């Protein structure tokens, strides 16, 4: 229970950071929401994207996956969301590195910005949240009348106090008939 709560908080914080990151500067003061998704696969250009066609879209999808994972208490959607965020961020870094002949961080505000740090941190928090979550509880078999024993490789049987006596016409687990004499 505690692990699910802590994992969910980590995952939700990671999703929040990932969705917030495109609204921050990513490189040389350019916000992440201005990079087109197509640019990640064809090469970074100066063309500006609409918000819905920007890098925000896969991060919003990752946030939706995170919410689904938290609600159904499943680790897999949260882990997939972390991989989506990290994958798109790393792909963006590779593409910018190709255009700029390398990427760096400058003290004058040039280079990588806080948006990239938020995206990477959000992806890591999503993966940590998935690792911490215990997931759904597994159903356990309940025993009503004592433990079952299994003689060396045979089928499970219940211990008995002697031969079972039951009427031949009654159900197998019915109590013995009353003596009315």
N, C-alpha and C. Protein backbone atom coordinates (compact mmCIF):
# COMPACT_ATOMS: atom_id res chain seq x y z
N UNK A 1 0.83 -1.19 0.00
CA UNK A 1 0.00 0.00 0.00
C UNK A 1 0.87 1.25 0.00
N UNK A 2 1.84 1.32 0.91
CA UNK A 2 2.72 2.48 1.00
C UNK A 2 3.55 2.61 -0.28
N UNK A 3 4.03 1.48 -0.79
CA UNK A 3 4.83 1.52 -2.01
C UNK A 3 4.03 2.06 -3.18
N UNK A 4 2.76 1.72 -3.28
CA UNK A 4 1.93 2.25 -4.36
C UNK A 4 1.73 3.75 -4.23
N UNK A 5 1.56 4.22 -3.01
CA UNK A 5 1.36 5.66 -2.80
C UNK A 5 2.63 6.42 -3.15
N UNK A 6 3.77 5.96 -2.65
CA UNK A 6 5.04 6.64 -2.95
C UNK A 6 5.35 6.58 -4.44
N UNK A 7 5.17 5.41 -5.04
CA UNK A 7 5.40 5.26 -6.47
C UNK A 7 4.48 6.14 -7.30
N UNK A 8 3.22 6.25 -6.88
CA UNK A 8 2.27 7.10 -7.59
C UNK A 8 2.65 8.57 -7.50
N UNK A 9 3.10 9.00 -6.32
CA UNK A 9 3.53 10.39 -6.16
C UNK A 9 4.74 10.68 -7.04
N UNK A 10 5.71 9.78 -7.06
CA UNK A 10 6.88 9.95 -7.93
C UNK A 10 6.46 10.01 -9.40
N UNK A 11 5.58 9.11 -9.79
CA UNK A 11 5.14 9.05 -11.18
C UNK A 11 4.38 10.33 -11.57
N UNK A 12 3.50 10.79 -10.71
CA UNK A 12 2.74 12.00 -11.03
C UNK A 12 3.64 13.23 -11.07
N UNK A 13 4.64 13.28 -10.19
CA UNK A 13 5.60 14.39 -10.24
C UNK A 13 6.40 14.34 -11.54
N UNK A 14 6.78 13.14 -11.97
CA UNK A 14 7.50 12.99 -13.23
C UNK A 14 6.66 13.40 -14.43
N UNK A 15 5.39 13.01 -14.43
CA UNK A 15 4.51 13.38 -15.53
C UNK A 15 4.29 14.89 -15.57
N UNK A 16 4.17 15.50 -14.40
CA UNK A 16 4.01 16.95 -14.34
C UNK A 16 5.24 17.66 -14.89
N UNK A 17 6.41 17.20 -14.50
CA UNK A 17 7.65 17.80 -15.00
C UNK A 17 7.76 17.64 -16.52
N UNK A 18 7.38 16.47 -17.01
CA UNK A 18 7.48 16.22 -18.45
C UNK A 18 6.53 17.13 -19.24
N UNK A 19 5.31 17.31 -18.76
CA UNK A 19 4.35 18.15 -19.47
C UNK A 19 4.72 19.63 -19.35
N UNK A 20 5.33 20.00 -18.27
CA UNK A 20 5.73 21.40 -18.06
C UNK A 20 6.96 21.76 -18.90
N UNK A 21 7.80 20.77 -19.18
CA UNK A 21 9.08 21.03 -19.84
C UNK A 21 8.98 21.72 -21.21
N UNK A 22 8.01 21.40 -22.08
CA UNK A 22 7.97 22.11 -23.37
C UNK A 22 7.67 23.60 -23.26
N UNK A 23 7.19 24.03 -22.11
CA UNK A 23 6.89 25.44 -21.91
C UNK A 23 8.09 26.21 -21.35
N UNK A 24 9.20 25.54 -21.23
CA UNK A 24 10.46 26.14 -20.78
C UNK A 24 11.44 26.15 -21.96
N UNK A 25 12.53 26.87 -21.79
CA UNK A 25 13.55 26.95 -22.85
C UNK A 25 14.27 25.61 -22.96
N UNK A 26 14.43 25.14 -24.22
CA UNK A 26 15.12 23.88 -24.46
C UNK A 26 16.53 24.10 -24.99
N UNK A 27 16.65 24.98 -25.97
CA UNK A 27 17.98 25.22 -26.52
C UNK A 27 18.05 26.65 -27.04
N UNK A 28 19.06 27.38 -26.60
CA UNK A 28 19.27 28.79 -26.99
C UNK A 28 18.02 29.63 -26.81
N UNK A 29 17.30 29.39 -25.74
CA UNK A 29 16.10 30.17 -25.43
C UNK A 29 14.85 29.75 -26.17
N UNK A 30 14.93 28.80 -27.09
CA UNK A 30 13.77 28.32 -27.84
C UNK A 30 13.01 27.31 -27.00
N UNK A 31 11.73 27.55 -26.84
CA UNK A 31 10.89 26.67 -26.03
C UNK A 31 10.63 25.35 -26.74
N UNK A 32 10.42 24.31 -25.95
CA UNK A 32 10.18 22.98 -26.50
C UNK A 32 8.90 22.88 -27.30
N UNK A 33 7.92 23.70 -26.96
CA UNK A 33 6.64 23.63 -27.67
C UNK A 33 6.75 24.15 -29.10
N UNK A 34 7.88 24.75 -29.47
CA UNK A 34 8.04 25.25 -30.83
C UNK A 34 8.72 24.23 -31.75
N UNK A 35 9.21 23.12 -31.20
CA UNK A 35 9.82 22.08 -32.02
C UNK A 35 8.74 21.14 -32.52
N UNK A 36 8.71 20.91 -33.83
CA UNK A 36 7.72 20.01 -34.41
C UNK A 36 8.12 18.57 -34.16
N UNK A 37 7.14 17.70 -34.02
CA UNK A 37 7.41 16.27 -33.86
C UNK A 37 8.11 15.73 -35.10
N UNK A 38 7.72 16.21 -36.28
CA UNK A 38 8.36 15.77 -37.53
C UNK A 38 9.85 16.07 -37.52
N UNK A 39 10.24 17.17 -36.89
CA UNK A 39 11.66 17.54 -36.85
C UNK A 39 12.51 16.48 -36.14
N UNK A 40 11.91 15.76 -35.22
CA UNK A 40 12.66 14.73 -34.50
C UNK A 40 13.05 13.57 -35.41
N UNK A 41 12.31 13.39 -36.50
CA UNK A 41 12.57 12.27 -37.40
C UNK A 41 13.23 12.70 -38.70
N UNK A 42 13.08 13.99 -39.06
CA UNK A 42 13.64 14.45 -40.33
C UNK A 42 14.79 15.43 -40.15
N UNK A 43 14.94 15.98 -38.99
CA UNK A 43 15.99 16.96 -38.74
C UNK A 43 15.39 18.26 -38.22
N UNK A 44 16.07 18.90 -37.29
CA UNK A 44 15.57 20.12 -36.67
C UNK A 44 15.65 21.27 -37.67
N UNK A 45 14.55 22.01 -37.76
CA UNK A 45 14.49 23.19 -38.64
C UNK A 45 14.10 24.40 -37.80
N UNK A 46 14.08 25.55 -38.45
CA UNK A 46 13.65 26.78 -37.76
C UNK A 46 12.14 26.94 -37.78
N UNK A 47 11.43 26.06 -38.46
CA UNK A 47 9.98 26.16 -38.53
C UNK A 47 9.37 25.98 -37.14
N UNK A 48 8.39 26.79 -36.85
CA UNK A 48 7.71 26.73 -35.55
C UNK A 48 6.50 25.82 -35.65
N UNK A 49 6.23 25.11 -34.59
CA UNK A 49 5.11 24.16 -34.57
C UNK A 49 3.92 24.76 -33.84
N UNK A 50 2.75 24.29 -34.20
CA UNK A 50 1.57 24.56 -33.39
C UNK A 50 1.73 23.76 -32.11
N UNK A 51 1.09 24.18 -31.05
CA UNK A 51 1.26 23.50 -29.76
C UNK A 51 0.87 22.03 -29.86
N UNK A 52 -0.21 21.71 -30.58
CA UNK A 52 -0.66 20.32 -30.64
C UNK A 52 0.27 19.46 -31.49
N UNK A 53 1.01 20.04 -32.42
CA UNK A 53 1.93 19.28 -33.25
C UNK A 53 3.37 19.35 -32.76
N UNK A 54 3.54 19.83 -31.54
CA UNK A 54 4.88 20.01 -31.00
C UNK A 54 5.29 18.82 -30.16
N UNK A 55 6.44 18.94 -29.56
CA UNK A 55 6.97 17.88 -28.69
C UNK A 55 6.11 17.70 -27.44
N UNK A 56 5.20 18.63 -27.20
CA UNK A 56 4.26 18.50 -26.09
C UNK A 56 3.35 17.28 -26.25
N UNK A 57 3.01 16.92 -27.48
CA UNK A 57 2.08 15.82 -27.72
C UNK A 57 2.54 14.49 -27.13
N UNK A 58 3.78 14.02 -27.39
CA UNK A 58 4.17 12.75 -26.77
C UNK A 58 4.28 12.85 -25.24
N UNK A 59 4.59 14.03 -24.73
CA UNK A 59 4.66 14.18 -23.27
C UNK A 59 3.27 14.16 -22.65
N UNK A 60 2.29 14.74 -23.34
CA UNK A 60 0.91 14.67 -22.86
C UNK A 60 0.41 13.22 -22.91
N UNK A 61 0.79 12.48 -23.95
CA UNK A 61 0.44 11.06 -24.03
C UNK A 61 1.07 10.30 -22.87
N UNK A 62 2.31 10.61 -22.55
CA UNK A 62 2.98 9.96 -21.41
C UNK A 62 2.27 10.28 -20.11
N UNK A 63 1.79 11.50 -19.97
CA UNK A 63 1.04 11.86 -18.75
C UNK A 63 -0.26 11.08 -18.67
N UNK A 64 -0.92 10.88 -19.79
CA UNK A 64 -2.15 10.07 -19.82
C UNK A 64 -1.85 8.62 -19.44
N UNK A 65 -0.77 8.07 -19.97
CA UNK A 65 -0.36 6.71 -19.59
C UNK A 65 -0.09 6.62 -18.09
N UNK A 66 0.53 7.66 -17.56
CA UNK A 66 0.83 7.69 -16.12
C UNK A 66 -0.45 7.68 -15.31
N UNK A 67 -1.41 8.50 -15.69
CA UNK A 67 -2.69 8.52 -14.97
C UNK A 67 -3.38 7.16 -15.01
N UNK A 68 -3.36 6.52 -16.17
CA UNK A 68 -3.97 5.19 -16.29
C UNK A 68 -3.24 4.21 -15.37
N UNK A 69 -1.92 4.24 -15.38
CA UNK A 69 -1.14 3.34 -14.54
C UNK A 69 -1.39 3.55 -13.06
N UNK A 70 -1.52 4.81 -12.65
CA UNK A 70 -1.77 5.10 -11.23
C UNK A 70 -3.17 4.65 -10.83
N UNK A 71 -4.15 4.91 -11.69
CA UNK A 71 -5.53 4.54 -11.36
C UNK A 71 -5.70 3.03 -11.26
N UNK A 72 -5.12 2.28 -12.20
CA UNK A 72 -5.29 0.82 -12.16
C UNK A 72 -4.17 0.14 -11.37
N UNK A 73 -3.30 0.93 -10.77
CA UNK A 73 -2.18 0.43 -9.96
C UNK A 73 -1.32 -0.57 -10.72
N UNK A 74 -0.93 -0.17 -11.91
CA UNK A 74 -0.10 -1.02 -12.74
C UNK A 74 1.22 -0.31 -13.04
N UNK A 75 2.29 -1.04 -12.93
CA UNK A 75 3.62 -0.46 -13.15
C UNK A 75 3.94 -0.26 -14.61
N UNK A 76 3.41 -1.10 -15.50
CA UNK A 76 3.80 -1.09 -16.90
C UNK A 76 3.44 0.19 -17.63
N UNK A 77 2.24 0.73 -17.49
CA UNK A 77 1.96 2.00 -18.19
C UNK A 77 2.85 3.14 -17.69
N UNK A 78 3.17 3.15 -16.40
CA UNK A 78 4.04 4.19 -15.86
C UNK A 78 5.46 4.05 -16.42
N UNK A 79 5.95 2.83 -16.48
CA UNK A 79 7.29 2.60 -17.05
C UNK A 79 7.31 2.97 -18.53
N UNK A 80 6.27 2.63 -19.26
CA UNK A 80 6.19 2.99 -20.68
C UNK A 80 6.18 4.51 -20.85
N UNK A 81 5.47 5.20 -19.97
CA UNK A 81 5.44 6.67 -20.02
C UNK A 81 6.84 7.24 -19.81
N UNK A 82 7.59 6.68 -18.87
CA UNK A 82 8.96 7.13 -18.64
C UNK A 82 9.84 6.90 -19.86
N UNK A 83 9.67 5.77 -20.51
CA UNK A 83 10.45 5.48 -21.71
C UNK A 83 10.08 6.42 -22.86
N UNK A 84 8.81 6.77 -22.97
CA UNK A 84 8.38 7.71 -24.01
C UNK A 84 9.03 9.07 -23.79
N UNK A 85 8.98 9.56 -22.56
CA UNK A 85 9.56 10.87 -22.25
C UNK A 85 11.06 10.87 -22.50
N UNK A 86 11.76 9.87 -21.97
CA UNK A 86 13.21 9.82 -22.16
C UNK A 86 13.57 9.60 -23.63
N UNK A 87 12.82 8.77 -24.31
CA UNK A 87 13.11 8.49 -25.72
C UNK A 87 12.98 9.74 -26.58
N UNK A 88 11.89 10.49 -26.42
CA UNK A 88 11.71 11.69 -27.23
C UNK A 88 12.72 12.77 -26.85
N UNK A 89 13.08 12.85 -25.59
CA UNK A 89 14.07 13.85 -25.17
C UNK A 89 15.44 13.51 -25.75
N UNK A 90 15.85 12.27 -25.66
CA UNK A 90 17.15 11.87 -26.20
C UNK A 90 17.16 12.02 -27.72
N UNK A 91 16.08 11.65 -28.39
CA UNK A 91 16.00 11.81 -29.83
C UNK A 91 16.13 13.29 -30.21
N UNK A 92 15.47 14.17 -29.45
CA UNK A 92 15.60 15.60 -29.70
C UNK A 92 17.05 16.05 -29.51
N UNK A 93 17.71 15.57 -28.46
CA UNK A 93 19.10 15.95 -28.21
C UNK A 93 20.02 15.49 -29.35
N UNK A 94 19.78 14.31 -29.86
CA UNK A 94 20.58 13.81 -30.99
C UNK A 94 20.37 14.69 -32.21
N UNK A 95 19.13 15.03 -32.51
CA UNK A 95 18.84 15.85 -33.70
C UNK A 95 19.42 17.26 -33.56
N UNK A 96 19.32 17.86 -32.40
CA UNK A 96 19.90 19.19 -32.20
C UNK A 96 21.42 19.10 -32.28
N UNK A 97 21.99 18.05 -31.73
CA UNK A 97 23.44 17.86 -31.81
C UNK A 97 23.92 17.73 -33.24
N UNK A 98 23.12 17.11 -34.11
CA UNK A 98 23.48 16.99 -35.52
C UNK A 98 23.46 18.35 -36.22
N UNK A 99 22.48 19.17 -35.91
CA UNK A 99 22.35 20.47 -36.54
C UNK A 99 23.40 21.45 -36.02
N UNK A 100 23.64 21.42 -34.72
CA UNK A 100 24.53 22.39 -34.08
C UNK A 100 25.98 21.89 -33.99
N UNK A 101 26.28 20.73 -34.51
CA UNK A 101 27.61 20.12 -34.36
C UNK A 101 27.99 19.96 -32.90
N UNK A 102 27.07 19.47 -32.12
CA UNK A 102 27.28 19.26 -30.69
C UNK A 102 26.37 20.16 -29.88
N UNK A 103 26.11 19.74 -28.66
CA UNK A 103 25.28 20.55 -27.77
C UNK A 103 26.05 20.82 -26.50
N UNK A 104 25.71 21.89 -25.85
CA UNK A 104 26.41 22.23 -24.63
C UNK A 104 25.54 23.10 -23.75
N UNK A 105 26.08 23.43 -22.60
CA UNK A 105 25.40 24.30 -21.65
C UNK A 105 26.29 25.51 -21.44
N UNK A 106 25.75 26.68 -21.68
CA UNK A 106 26.54 27.90 -21.51
C UNK A 106 26.05 28.71 -20.34
N UNK A 107 26.94 29.47 -19.73
CA UNK A 107 26.56 30.32 -18.59
C UNK A 107 25.83 31.57 -19.05
N UNK A 108 25.86 31.86 -20.35
CA UNK A 108 25.21 33.05 -20.87
C UNK A 108 23.78 32.78 -21.35
N UNK A 109 23.22 31.62 -21.01
CA UNK A 109 21.86 31.30 -21.41
C UNK A 109 21.78 30.57 -22.75
N UNK A 110 22.91 30.36 -23.37
CA UNK A 110 22.93 29.62 -24.63
C UNK A 110 23.12 28.14 -24.33
N UNK A 111 22.71 27.31 -25.26
CA UNK A 111 22.86 25.88 -25.06
C UNK A 111 21.60 25.27 -24.46
N UNK A 112 21.77 24.12 -23.83
CA UNK A 112 20.62 23.41 -23.24
C UNK A 112 19.97 24.25 -22.16
N UNK A 113 18.64 24.19 -22.12
CA UNK A 113 17.89 24.96 -21.15
C UNK A 113 17.23 24.09 -20.10
N UNK A 114 16.45 24.74 -19.27
CA UNK A 114 15.80 24.04 -18.15
C UNK A 114 14.72 23.07 -18.62
N UNK A 115 14.17 23.29 -19.81
CA UNK A 115 13.15 22.38 -20.32
C UNK A 115 13.69 20.98 -20.53
N UNK A 116 14.91 20.87 -21.01
CA UNK A 116 15.53 19.55 -21.22
C UNK A 116 15.77 18.88 -19.87
N UNK A 117 16.23 19.66 -18.90
CA UNK A 117 16.45 19.10 -17.56
C UNK A 117 15.14 18.61 -16.95
N UNK A 118 14.07 19.37 -17.13
CA UNK A 118 12.76 18.93 -16.62
C UNK A 118 12.30 17.65 -17.31
N UNK A 119 12.49 17.57 -18.62
CA UNK A 119 12.06 16.38 -19.35
C UNK A 119 12.86 15.16 -18.92
N UNK A 120 14.17 15.30 -18.82
CA UNK A 120 15.00 14.16 -18.39
C UNK A 120 14.67 13.77 -16.94
N UNK A 121 14.54 14.76 -16.07
CA UNK A 121 14.18 14.47 -14.68
C UNK A 121 12.80 13.84 -14.57
N UNK A 122 11.85 14.32 -15.37
CA UNK A 122 10.51 13.73 -15.36
C UNK A 122 10.52 12.28 -15.82
N UNK A 123 11.30 11.99 -16.86
CA UNK A 123 11.40 10.61 -17.33
C UNK A 123 12.01 9.69 -16.29
N UNK A 124 13.04 10.18 -15.60
CA UNK A 124 13.68 9.38 -14.55
C UNK A 124 12.70 9.17 -13.39
N UNK A 125 11.97 10.22 -13.01
CA UNK A 125 10.98 10.07 -11.93
C UNK A 125 9.88 9.07 -12.31
N UNK A 126 9.48 9.07 -13.56
CA UNK A 126 8.47 8.10 -14.01
C UNK A 126 8.99 6.67 -13.87
N UNK A 127 10.24 6.44 -14.28
CA UNK A 127 10.81 5.10 -14.15
C UNK A 127 10.99 4.71 -12.69
N UNK A 128 11.42 5.65 -11.86
CA UNK A 128 11.55 5.37 -10.42
C UNK A 128 10.19 5.06 -9.81
N UNK A 129 9.17 5.82 -10.20
CA UNK A 129 7.82 5.56 -9.71
C UNK A 129 7.35 4.16 -10.07
N UNK A 130 7.64 3.74 -11.30
CA UNK A 130 7.26 2.39 -11.73
C UNK A 130 8.01 1.33 -10.93
N UNK A 131 9.28 1.59 -10.63
CA UNK A 131 10.06 0.63 -9.85
C UNK A 131 9.56 0.52 -8.41
N UNK A 132 9.16 1.65 -7.84
CA UNK A 132 8.73 1.66 -6.43
C UNK A 132 7.34 1.06 -6.27
N UNK A 133 6.47 1.29 -7.26
CA UNK A 133 5.10 0.76 -7.15
C UNK A 133 5.12 -0.75 -7.01
N UNK A 134 4.26 -1.26 -6.14
CA UNK A 134 4.18 -2.71 -5.99
C UNK A 134 3.17 -3.32 -6.94
N UNK A 135 2.35 -2.50 -7.56
CA UNK A 135 1.37 -3.01 -8.50
C UNK A 135 0.12 -3.51 -7.80
N UNK A 136 -0.67 -4.22 -8.54
CA UNK A 136 -1.91 -4.78 -7.97
C UNK A 136 -1.60 -5.93 -7.04
N UNK A 137 -2.40 -6.08 -5.98
CA UNK A 137 -2.19 -7.25 -5.13
C UNK A 137 -2.62 -8.51 -5.87
N UNK A 138 -1.87 -9.56 -5.67
CA UNK A 138 -2.19 -10.84 -6.30
C UNK A 138 -3.24 -11.55 -5.45
N UNK A 139 -4.21 -12.19 -6.10
CA UNK A 139 -5.23 -12.90 -5.33
C UNK A 139 -4.60 -14.10 -4.60
N UNK A 140 -4.98 -14.26 -3.36
CA UNK A 140 -4.47 -15.37 -2.55
C UNK A 140 -5.58 -16.37 -2.32
N UNK A 141 -5.23 -17.65 -2.34
CA UNK A 141 -6.21 -18.70 -2.05
C UNK A 141 -6.46 -18.70 -0.55
N UNK A 142 -7.71 -18.74 -0.17
CA UNK A 142 -8.04 -18.79 1.25
C UNK A 142 -8.41 -20.20 1.64
N UNK A 143 -7.99 -20.60 2.79
CA UNK A 143 -8.30 -21.94 3.29
C UNK A 143 -9.32 -21.79 4.41
N UNK A 144 -10.42 -22.51 4.27
CA UNK A 144 -11.49 -22.41 5.24
C UNK A 144 -11.32 -23.43 6.35
N UNK A 145 -10.93 -24.65 6.01
CA UNK A 145 -10.94 -25.71 7.00
C UNK A 145 -9.55 -26.29 7.27
N UNK A 146 -8.56 -25.48 7.25
CA UNK A 146 -7.23 -25.97 7.62
C UNK A 146 -6.32 -26.13 6.43
N UNK A 147 -5.06 -26.35 6.71
CA UNK A 147 -4.09 -26.46 5.61
C UNK A 147 -4.22 -27.79 4.87
N UNK A 148 -3.90 -27.74 3.63
CA UNK A 148 -3.89 -28.97 2.83
C UNK A 148 -2.49 -29.53 2.83
N UNK A 149 -2.41 -30.83 2.74
CA UNK A 149 -1.09 -31.47 2.68
C UNK A 149 -0.95 -32.15 1.35
N UNK A 150 0.25 -32.29 0.92
CA UNK A 150 0.51 -32.95 -0.36
C UNK A 150 1.54 -34.04 -0.10
N UNK A 151 1.12 -35.29 -0.16
CA UNK A 151 2.10 -36.36 -0.01
C UNK A 151 2.99 -36.42 -1.25
N UNK A 152 4.24 -36.46 -1.06
CA UNK A 152 5.31 -36.52 -2.06
C UNK A 152 4.85 -36.56 -3.50
N UNK A 153 4.53 -35.39 -4.02
CA UNK A 153 4.22 -35.26 -5.44
C UNK A 153 2.79 -35.61 -5.80
N UNK A 154 1.99 -36.08 -4.90
CA UNK A 154 0.61 -36.44 -5.20
C UNK A 154 -0.31 -35.24 -5.13
N UNK A 155 -1.60 -35.47 -5.33
CA UNK A 155 -2.56 -34.37 -5.26
C UNK A 155 -2.74 -33.90 -3.81
N UNK A 156 -3.19 -32.67 -3.67
CA UNK A 156 -3.43 -32.14 -2.32
C UNK A 156 -4.59 -32.87 -1.67
N UNK A 157 -4.41 -33.24 -0.43
CA UNK A 157 -5.48 -33.89 0.34
C UNK A 157 -5.57 -33.23 1.70
N UNK A 158 -6.73 -33.33 2.32
CA UNK A 158 -6.90 -32.78 3.66
C UNK A 158 -6.68 -33.90 4.67
N UNK A 159 -6.05 -33.59 5.79
CA UNK A 159 -5.87 -34.63 6.81
C UNK A 159 -7.24 -35.05 7.37
N UNK A 160 -7.39 -36.33 7.66
CA UNK A 160 -8.65 -36.83 8.21
C UNK A 160 -8.38 -37.53 9.53
N UNK A 161 -9.41 -37.63 10.33
CA UNK A 161 -9.30 -38.31 11.62
C UNK A 161 -9.66 -39.78 11.51
N UNK A 162 -10.02 -40.24 10.41
CA UNK A 162 -10.39 -41.64 10.23
C UNK A 162 -11.21 -41.76 8.96
N UNK A 163 -11.83 -42.91 8.75
CA UNK A 163 -12.61 -43.07 7.54
C UNK A 163 -13.82 -42.15 7.55
N UNK A 164 -14.12 -41.59 6.41
CA UNK A 164 -15.27 -40.69 6.31
C UNK A 164 -16.53 -41.51 6.23
N UNK A 165 -17.54 -41.09 6.97
CA UNK A 165 -18.84 -41.77 6.93
C UNK A 165 -19.85 -40.76 6.45
N UNK A 166 -20.53 -41.12 5.39
CA UNK A 166 -21.58 -40.26 4.87
C UNK A 166 -22.60 -41.15 4.18
N UNK A 167 -23.81 -40.69 4.16
CA UNK A 167 -24.82 -41.49 3.46
C UNK A 167 -24.53 -41.51 1.97
N UNK A 168 -24.85 -42.60 1.34
CA UNK A 168 -24.54 -42.75 -0.07
C UNK A 168 -25.42 -41.89 -0.95
N UNK A 169 -26.57 -41.45 -0.45
CA UNK A 169 -27.46 -40.67 -1.30
C UNK A 169 -27.34 -39.16 -1.06
N UNK A 170 -26.52 -38.73 -0.15
CA UNK A 170 -26.38 -37.29 0.14
C UNK A 170 -25.18 -36.70 -0.58
N UNK A 171 -25.09 -35.39 -0.54
CA UNK A 171 -23.92 -34.74 -1.14
C UNK A 171 -22.66 -35.10 -0.38
N UNK A 172 -21.49 -35.03 -1.02
CA UNK A 172 -20.25 -35.49 -0.41
C UNK A 172 -19.87 -34.77 0.88
N UNK A 173 -20.23 -33.51 1.04
CA UNK A 173 -19.81 -32.77 2.23
C UNK A 173 -20.93 -32.57 3.25
N UNK A 174 -22.02 -33.38 3.14
CA UNK A 174 -23.11 -33.20 4.09
C UNK A 174 -22.79 -33.92 5.41
N UNK A 175 -23.31 -33.42 6.52
CA UNK A 175 -23.02 -34.06 7.81
C UNK A 175 -23.71 -35.42 7.88
N UNK A 176 -23.23 -36.33 8.77
CA UNK A 176 -23.85 -37.65 8.86
C UNK A 176 -25.30 -37.53 9.37
N UNK A 177 -26.17 -38.49 8.99
CA UNK A 177 -27.58 -38.39 9.42
C UNK A 177 -27.70 -38.56 10.94
N UNK A 178 -28.74 -37.94 11.50
CA UNK A 178 -28.96 -38.01 12.96
C UNK A 178 -29.53 -39.36 13.33
N UNK A 179 -29.19 -39.81 14.51
CA UNK A 179 -29.70 -41.08 15.01
C UNK A 179 -31.02 -40.83 15.69
N UNK A 180 -32.15 -41.39 15.18
CA UNK A 180 -33.49 -41.11 15.72
C UNK A 180 -34.08 -42.32 16.41
N UNK A 181 -33.39 -43.10 17.08
CA UNK A 181 -33.93 -44.27 17.77
C UNK A 181 -34.30 -44.02 19.17
